[in-house]
Amino acid sequence: MPEIFRIESIGPEDEGAALVRRIMVRVDSVETAKKRALKILERARQPQARALGVERVRLVDGAGYEIFSVSVRD
């Protein structure tokens, strides 16, 4: 049964760690949602996307709990 997760792109901590972008994904498992979050972080590391200033991506479930978080420094 599909679940809905939020993938949030977070800016640098020295700039207040502001939310840059939030997307909702509907997937069959947490593992699939993690893969999507990692793909978003990969795209944020590309030179043409660095202007967005994404430093961290986190995965949040429907209840608002953070399930997974990864940083460009990991």
C-alpha atoms as a PDB file:
ATOM      1  CA  MET A   1       0.000   0.000   0.000  1.00  0.00           C
ATOM      2  CA  PRO A   2       1.515   3.349  -1.003  1.00  0.00           C
ATOM      3  CA  GLU A   3       2.594   5.835   1.642  1.00  0.00           C
ATOM      4  CA  ILE A   4       3.191   9.566   1.341  1.00  0.00           C
ATOM      5  CA  PHE A   5       6.502  11.045   2.438  1.00  0.00           C
ATOM      6  CA  ARG A   6       7.952  14.556   2.313  1.00  0.00           C
ATOM      7  CA  ILE A   7      11.463  15.092   1.032  1.00  0.00           C
ATOM      8  CA  GLU A   8      12.825  18.388   2.286  1.00  0.00           C
ATOM      9  CA  SER A   9      15.920  20.114   0.925  1.00  0.00           C
ATOM     10  CA  ILE A  10      17.597  22.191   3.627  1.00  0.00           C
ATOM     11  CA  GLY A  11      20.050  25.053   3.120  1.00  0.00           C
ATOM     12  CA  PRO A  12      23.393  25.617   4.884  1.00  0.00           C
ATOM     13  CA  GLU A  13      23.403  25.930   8.679  1.00  0.00           C
ATOM     14  CA  ASP A  14      25.416  29.148   8.602  1.00  0.00           C
ATOM     15  CA  GLU A  15      22.543  30.706   6.633  1.00  0.00           C
ATOM     16  CA  GLY A  16      19.893  29.526   9.077  1.00  0.00           C
ATOM     17  CA  ALA A  17      19.269  26.024   7.673  1.00  0.00           C
ATOM     18  CA  ALA A  18      16.191  27.264   5.828  1.00  0.00           C
ATOM     19  CA  LEU A  19      13.891  24.989   3.890  1.00  0.00           C
ATOM     20  CA  VAL A  20      14.815  25.339   0.212  1.00  0.00           C
ATOM     21  CA  ARG A  21      12.288  22.949  -1.301  1.00  0.00           C
ATOM     22  CA  ARG A  22       9.734  20.378  -0.152  1.00  0.00           C
ATOM     23  CA  ILE A  23       8.235  17.693  -2.349  1.00  0.00           C
ATOM     24  CA  MET A  24       5.697  15.004  -1.584  1.00  0.00           C
ATOM     25  CA  VAL A  25       6.261  11.503  -2.914  1.00  0.00           C
ATOM     26  CA  ARG A  26       3.906   8.558  -2.928  1.00  0.00           C
ATOM     27  CA  VAL A  27       5.847   5.301  -2.870  1.00  0.00           C
ATOM     28  CA  ASP A  28       5.440   1.691  -1.789  1.00  0.00           C
ATOM     29  CA  SER A  29       8.240   1.577   0.797  1.00  0.00           C
ATOM     30  CA  VAL A  30      10.574   3.625   2.934  1.00  0.00           C
ATOM     31  CA  GLU A  31      13.545   2.281   0.973  1.00  0.00           C
ATOM     32  CA  THR A  32      12.127   3.668  -2.273  1.00  0.00           C
ATOM     33  CA  ALA A  33      11.595   7.044  -0.594  1.00  0.00           C
ATOM     34  CA  LYS A  34      15.222   6.999   0.648  1.00  0.00           C
ATOM     35  CA  LYS A  35      16.432   6.336  -2.889  1.00  0.00           C
ATOM     36  CA  ARG A  36      14.418   9.329  -4.142  1.00  0.00           C
ATOM     37  CA  ALA A  37      15.898  11.529  -1.397  1.00  0.00           C
ATOM     38  CA  LEU A  38      19.425  10.451  -2.309  1.00  0.00           C
ATOM     39  CA  LYS A  39      18.732  11.187  -5.974  1.00  0.00           C
ATOM     40  CA  ILE A  40      17.592  14.702  -5.032  1.00  0.00           C
ATOM     41  CA  LEU A  41      20.792  15.237  -3.055  1.00  0.00           C
ATOM     42  CA  GLU A  42      22.868  14.026  -6.031  1.00  0.00           C
ATOM     43  CA  ARG A  43      21.145  16.570  -8.258  1.00  0.00           C
ATOM     44  CA  ALA A  44      21.788  19.308  -5.701  1.00  0.00           C
ATOM     45  CA  ARG A  45      25.524  18.526  -5.846  1.00  0.00           C
ATOM     46  CA  GLN A  46      25.703  19.156  -9.593  1.00  0.00           C
ATOM     47  CA  PRO A  47      27.389  22.447 -10.555  1.00  0.00           C
ATOM     48  CA  GLN A  48      24.308  23.931 -12.231  1.00  0.00           C
ATOM     49  CA  ALA A  49      22.191  23.328  -9.093  1.00  0.00           C
ATOM     50  CA  ARG A  50      24.633  24.616  -6.474  1.00  0.00           C
ATOM     51  CA  ALA A  51      23.053  28.071  -6.598  1.00  0.00           C
ATOM     52  CA  LEU A  52      20.120  26.611  -4.636  1.00  0.00           C
ATOM     53  CA  GLY A  53      22.456  26.000  -1.703  1.00  0.00           C
ATOM     54  CA  VAL A  54      21.137  22.597  -0.624  1.00  0.00           C
ATOM     55  CA  GLU A  55      23.293  21.110   2.110  1.00  0.00           C
ATOM     56  CA  ARG A  56      21.030  18.450   3.553  1.00  0.00           C
ATOM     57  CA  VAL A  57      18.023  16.367   2.529  1.00  0.00           C
ATOM     58  CA  ARG A  58      15.668  14.761   4.984  1.00  0.00           C
ATOM     59  CA  LEU A  59      12.801  12.322   4.668  1.00  0.00           C
ATOM     60  CA  VAL A  60       9.708  12.900   6.804  1.00  0.00           C
ATOM     61  CA  ASP A  61       6.766  10.512   7.150  1.00  0.00           C
ATOM     62  CA  GLY A  62       3.081  11.447   7.142  1.00  0.00           C
ATOM     63  CA  ALA A  63       3.053  11.945  10.924  1.00  0.00           C
ATOM     64  CA  GLY A  64       5.914  14.453  10.726  1.00  0.00           C
ATOM     65  CA  TYR A  65       8.700  12.244  12.061  1.00  0.00           C
ATOM     66  CA  GLU A  66      12.111  12.435  10.439  1.00  0.00           C
ATOM     67  CA  ILE A  67      12.973   8.984   9.120  1.00  0.00           C
ATOM     68  CA  PHE A  68      16.177   9.636   7.215  1.00  0.00           C
ATOM     69  CA  SER A  69      18.599  12.509   6.808  1.00  0.00           C
ATOM     70  CA  VAL A  70      21.734  12.878   4.726  1.00  0.00           C
ATOM     71  CA  SER A  71      24.137  15.768   4.280  1.00  0.00           C
ATOM     72  CA  VAL A  72      26.587  16.678   1.543  1.00  0.00           C
ATOM     73  CA  ARG A  73      29.279  16.170   4.201  1.00  0.00           C
ATOM     74  CA  ASP A  74      28.304  12.508   4.791  1.00  0.00           C
END
